[in-house]
Amino acid sequence: IQTIADAQNACRILHNLGVSLVLITSIIFPGTEINDPIDNTMVEKPGDGTEATPPPNSIGMFVSRRRTQQKTMCQTMQQQNIDSEQEQHCCEEEQYVLYTPKLPGFFTGTGDVCAALCLGWTAELNDHVVDDGLSLGDFLEKLAGTMHAIVQRTAQNALKKQSRYHDDSSRGEKSRKVSSFELKLIQSRDDILQPPRSFRAVKLQ
């Protein structure tokens, strides 16, 4: 996946197979990787529905939902070979993108944790716009906030342990082991129960 359009097309393929909610994580868009120090401040984005440009040293998360109440109509239009623009309008696809700072290191278990959090928050996710509950944008912001907090805490802990081997002749090998430590889940309990809203999801038109 190189662009937002690539992500949209990938999600549409899965939607057409009957999957109503699709989440894509760890998207590194071309041209966003630099060697400057990482900025861990909030990634502010406009909320007017325009496609936001990925910030440097960032990782993208993309979520797409096709309304379940339109499933029968969508399947009918697909069988009749209705063009994709009319199909998208009929099925009311809702999509958000969000960017978080990329952190150095290799972290074990991020996919499993993200999948578990995604499943948990899906239970709170609205199926209709008028319902009270969690919106799709809120869903993505909470998921990204918790994941970034966990990885950031793990990275900070790894750096502290890494410094202990600074004078060791085999510090290169030990550094690689330190950088791949498992996630600090117990220490991140509060961030899991009360996700920090540090990043803003941008709704795509």
Protein backbone atom coordinates (compact mmCIF):
# COMPACT_ATOMS: atom_id res chain seq x y z
CA ILE A 1 0.00 0.00 0.00
CA GLN A 2 1.62 3.19 -1.23
CA THR A 3 -1.25 5.69 -1.11
CA ILE A 4 -4.64 6.35 0.49
CA ALA A 5 -6.24 5.18 -2.75
CA ASP A 6 -4.41 1.85 -2.41
CA ALA A 7 -5.83 1.42 1.09
CA GLN A 8 -9.33 2.28 -0.10
CA ASN A 9 -9.12 -0.22 -2.94
CA ALA A 10 -7.84 -2.97 -0.64
CA CYS A 11 -10.67 -2.34 1.81
CA ARG A 12 -13.25 -2.33 -0.98
CA ILE A 13 -12.12 -5.78 -2.09
CA LEU A 14 -12.69 -7.12 1.42
CA HIS A 15 -16.00 -5.26 1.76
CA ASN A 16 -17.19 -6.91 -1.44
CA LEU A 17 -16.41 -10.27 0.15
CA GLY A 18 -18.74 -9.45 3.03
CA VAL A 19 -16.31 -7.94 5.58
CA SER A 20 -17.98 -4.86 7.06
CA LEU A 21 -15.04 -3.45 9.04
CA VAL A 22 -11.42 -3.37 7.83
CA LEU A 23 -8.43 -2.01 9.76
CA ILE A 24 -5.00 -1.52 8.18
CA THR A 25 -2.09 -0.72 10.49
CA SER A 26 1.60 0.14 10.24
CA ILE A 27 1.34 1.89 6.87
CA ILE A 28 4.59 3.67 6.00
CA PHE A 29 3.90 5.99 3.09
CA PRO A 30 6.80 6.73 0.69
CA GLY A 31 8.77 9.85 1.54
CA THR A 32 7.92 9.91 5.25
CA GLU A 33 11.07 8.21 6.57
CA ILE A 34 13.82 10.58 7.71
CA ASN A 35 16.68 10.41 10.19
CA ASP A 36 15.72 13.44 12.25
CA PRO A 37 14.80 13.03 15.94
CA ILE A 38 11.27 11.73 16.37
CA ASP A 39 8.58 14.20 17.38
CA ASN A 40 6.20 12.61 19.88
CA THR A 41 3.81 15.53 20.06
CA MET A 42 0.21 15.34 18.92
CA VAL A 43 -0.26 14.97 15.19
CA GLU A 44 -2.93 17.60 14.54
CA LYS A 45 -4.94 17.22 11.35
CA PRO A 46 -7.82 19.14 9.81
CA GLY A 47 -11.26 17.69 10.38
CA ASP A 48 -12.86 18.95 7.17
CA GLY A 49 -12.74 15.63 5.33
CA THR A 50 -9.68 16.44 3.22
CA GLU A 51 -6.87 13.94 2.82
CA ALA A 52 -4.09 14.88 5.25
CA THR A 53 -0.48 14.67 4.16
CA PRO A 54 1.48 12.10 6.21
CA PRO A 55 3.96 13.83 8.56
CA PRO A 56 7.64 12.83 8.45
CA ASN A 57 8.58 9.75 10.51
CA SER A 58 4.98 8.65 10.83
CA ILE A 59 3.00 5.44 10.65
CA GLY A 60 -0.50 5.42 9.24
CA MET A 61 -3.61 3.61 10.43
CA PHE A 62 -6.60 3.28 8.13
CA VAL A 63 -10.10 2.05 8.94
CA SER A 64 -13.01 1.49 6.58
CA ARG A 65 -16.56 0.44 7.34
CA ARG A 66 -19.42 -0.49 5.05
CA ARG A 67 -22.81 -0.11 6.67
CA THR A 68 -24.37 -3.47 7.51
CA GLN A 69 -27.92 -2.26 6.88
CA GLN A 70 -27.00 -1.79 3.23
CA LYS A 71 -25.54 -5.28 2.79
CA THR A 72 -28.43 -6.76 0.79
CA MET A 73 -28.65 -3.77 -1.54
CA CYS A 74 -24.87 -3.74 -2.05
CA GLN A 75 -24.80 -7.42 -2.95
CA THR A 76 -27.62 -6.86 -5.44
CA MET A 77 -25.76 -3.99 -7.10
CA GLN A 78 -22.59 -6.06 -7.29
CA GLN A 79 -24.48 -8.89 -9.00
CA GLN A 80 -25.87 -6.37 -11.51
CA ASN A 81 -22.36 -5.01 -12.20
CA ILE A 82 -23.20 -1.50 -11.03
CA ASP A 83 -20.15 0.78 -11.29
CA SER A 84 -17.97 1.31 -8.20
CA GLU A 85 -18.96 4.96 -7.67
CA GLN A 86 -22.66 4.14 -7.42
CA GLU A 87 -21.85 1.06 -5.33
CA GLN A 88 -19.84 3.12 -2.85
CA HIS A 89 -22.65 5.67 -2.55
CA CYS A 90 -25.23 2.94 -2.02
CA CYS A 91 -23.19 1.13 0.62
CA GLU A 92 -22.22 4.23 2.61
CA GLU A 93 -18.56 3.47 3.12
CA GLU A 94 -17.01 5.44 5.98
CA GLN A 95 -13.23 5.80 6.15
CA TYR A 96 -10.67 7.45 8.43
CA VAL A 97 -6.89 7.79 8.38
CA LEU A 98 -4.68 8.64 11.35
CA TYR A 99 -0.92 9.18 11.73
CA THR A 100 1.27 8.50 14.77
CA PRO A 101 5.01 9.13 15.22
CA LYS A 102 7.21 6.20 14.25
CA LEU A 103 9.25 4.90 17.18
CA PRO A 104 12.62 3.15 16.86
CA GLY A 105 13.05 -0.51 17.70
CA PHE A 106 11.43 -3.87 17.08
CA PHE A 107 8.50 -4.69 19.31
CA THR A 108 7.14 -8.17 19.90
CA GLY A 109 3.37 -8.60 20.04
CA THR A 110 2.07 -5.34 18.59
CA GLY A 111 -0.15 -7.12 16.08
CA ASP A 112 -1.75 -9.34 18.72
CA VAL A 113 -2.38 -6.41 21.07
CA CYS A 114 -3.81 -4.26 18.30
CA ALA A 115 -6.13 -7.06 17.20
CA ALA A 116 -7.33 -7.60 20.77
CA LEU A 117 -7.97 -3.90 21.31
CA CYS A 118 -9.72 -3.68 17.96
CA LEU A 119 -12.03 -6.55 18.90
CA GLY A 120 -12.76 -5.00 22.29
CA TRP A 121 -13.61 -1.56 20.94
CA THR A 122 -15.67 -3.08 18.13
CA ALA A 123 -18.21 -4.12 20.77
CA GLU A 124 -18.72 -0.42 21.55
CA LEU A 125 -18.76 0.68 17.90
CA ASN A 126 -21.98 2.15 16.49
CA ASP A 127 -23.64 0.34 13.64
CA HIS A 128 -25.64 3.41 12.69
CA VAL A 129 -24.84 7.13 12.66
CA VAL A 130 -27.81 8.08 14.87
CA ASP A 131 -27.03 5.62 17.68
CA ASP A 132 -25.36 6.68 20.90
CA GLY A 133 -21.95 5.13 21.41
CA LEU A 134 -18.51 5.02 19.84
CA SER A 135 -18.06 6.55 16.38
CA LEU A 136 -15.63 5.10 13.85
CA GLY A 137 -13.30 8.10 14.29
CA ASP A 138 -13.36 7.66 18.08
CA PHE A 139 -12.64 3.96 17.59
CA LEU A 140 -9.49 4.71 15.57
CA GLU A 141 -8.29 7.47 17.90
CA LYS A 142 -8.62 5.28 20.99
CA LEU A 143 -6.92 2.35 19.31
CA ALA A 144 -4.02 4.50 18.07
CA GLY A 145 -3.67 6.32 21.40
CA THR A 146 -3.37 3.11 23.38
CA MET A 147 -1.02 1.42 20.92
CA HIS A 148 1.31 4.43 20.74
CA ALA A 149 1.38 4.74 24.55
CA ILE A 150 2.30 1.06 24.94
CA VAL A 151 5.01 1.13 22.28
CA GLN A 152 6.41 4.42 23.53
CA ARG A 153 6.67 3.09 27.08
CA THR A 154 8.34 -0.06 25.79
CA ALA A 155 10.81 1.96 23.70
CA GLN A 156 11.71 4.20 26.62
CA ASN A 157 12.32 1.18 28.83
CA ALA A 158 14.47 -0.40 26.11
CA LEU A 159 16.60 2.75 25.84
CA LYS A 160 17.23 2.73 29.58
CA LYS A 161 18.37 -0.89 29.49
CA GLN A 162 20.38 -0.27 26.35
CA SER A 163 22.43 2.38 28.10
CA ARG A 164 23.59 -0.19 30.66
CA TYR A 165 25.49 -2.00 27.90
CA HIS A 166 27.12 1.15 26.52
CA ASP A 167 30.62 0.12 27.54
CA ASP A 168 30.21 -3.56 26.76
CA SER A 169 32.18 -4.87 23.76
CA SER A 170 29.16 -6.88 22.63
CA ARG A 171 26.72 -4.03 23.06
CA GLY A 172 25.59 -4.26 19.41
CA GLU A 173 24.16 -7.73 19.89
CA LYS A 174 22.73 -6.89 23.29
CA SER A 175 21.15 -3.72 21.91
CA ARG A 176 19.28 -5.71 19.32
CA LYS A 177 17.94 -7.99 22.02
CA VAL A 178 16.92 -5.05 24.18
CA SER A 179 15.14 -3.33 21.28
CA SER A 180 12.97 -6.39 20.73
CA PHE A 181 11.69 -6.71 24.29
CA GLU A 182 8.04 -7.59 24.68
CA LEU A 183 5.49 -4.86 25.22
CA LYS A 184 4.99 -3.30 28.65
CA LEU A 185 1.33 -4.25 28.95
CA ILE A 186 1.01 -4.37 32.73
CA GLN A 187 2.64 -0.95 33.04
CA SER A 188 0.24 0.36 30.38
CA ARG A 189 -2.94 -0.78 32.15
CA ASP A 190 -4.30 2.76 32.53
CA ASP A 191 -3.71 3.53 28.86
CA ILE A 192 -5.64 0.39 27.91
CA LEU A 193 -8.60 1.16 30.20
CA GLN A 194 -8.60 4.91 29.47
CA PRO A 195 -7.08 5.41 26.00
CA PRO A 196 -5.25 8.74 25.56
CA ARG A 197 -6.72 10.80 22.71
CA SER A 198 -3.36 12.07 21.45
CA PHE A 199 -4.03 11.85 17.70
CA ARG A 200 -6.85 12.99 15.48
CA ALA A 201 -8.48 10.78 12.89
CA VAL A 202 -9.22 12.43 9.54
CA LYS A 203 -12.44 11.47 7.79
CA LEU A 204 -12.05 10.87 4.07
CA GLN A 205 -14.68 11.85 1.53
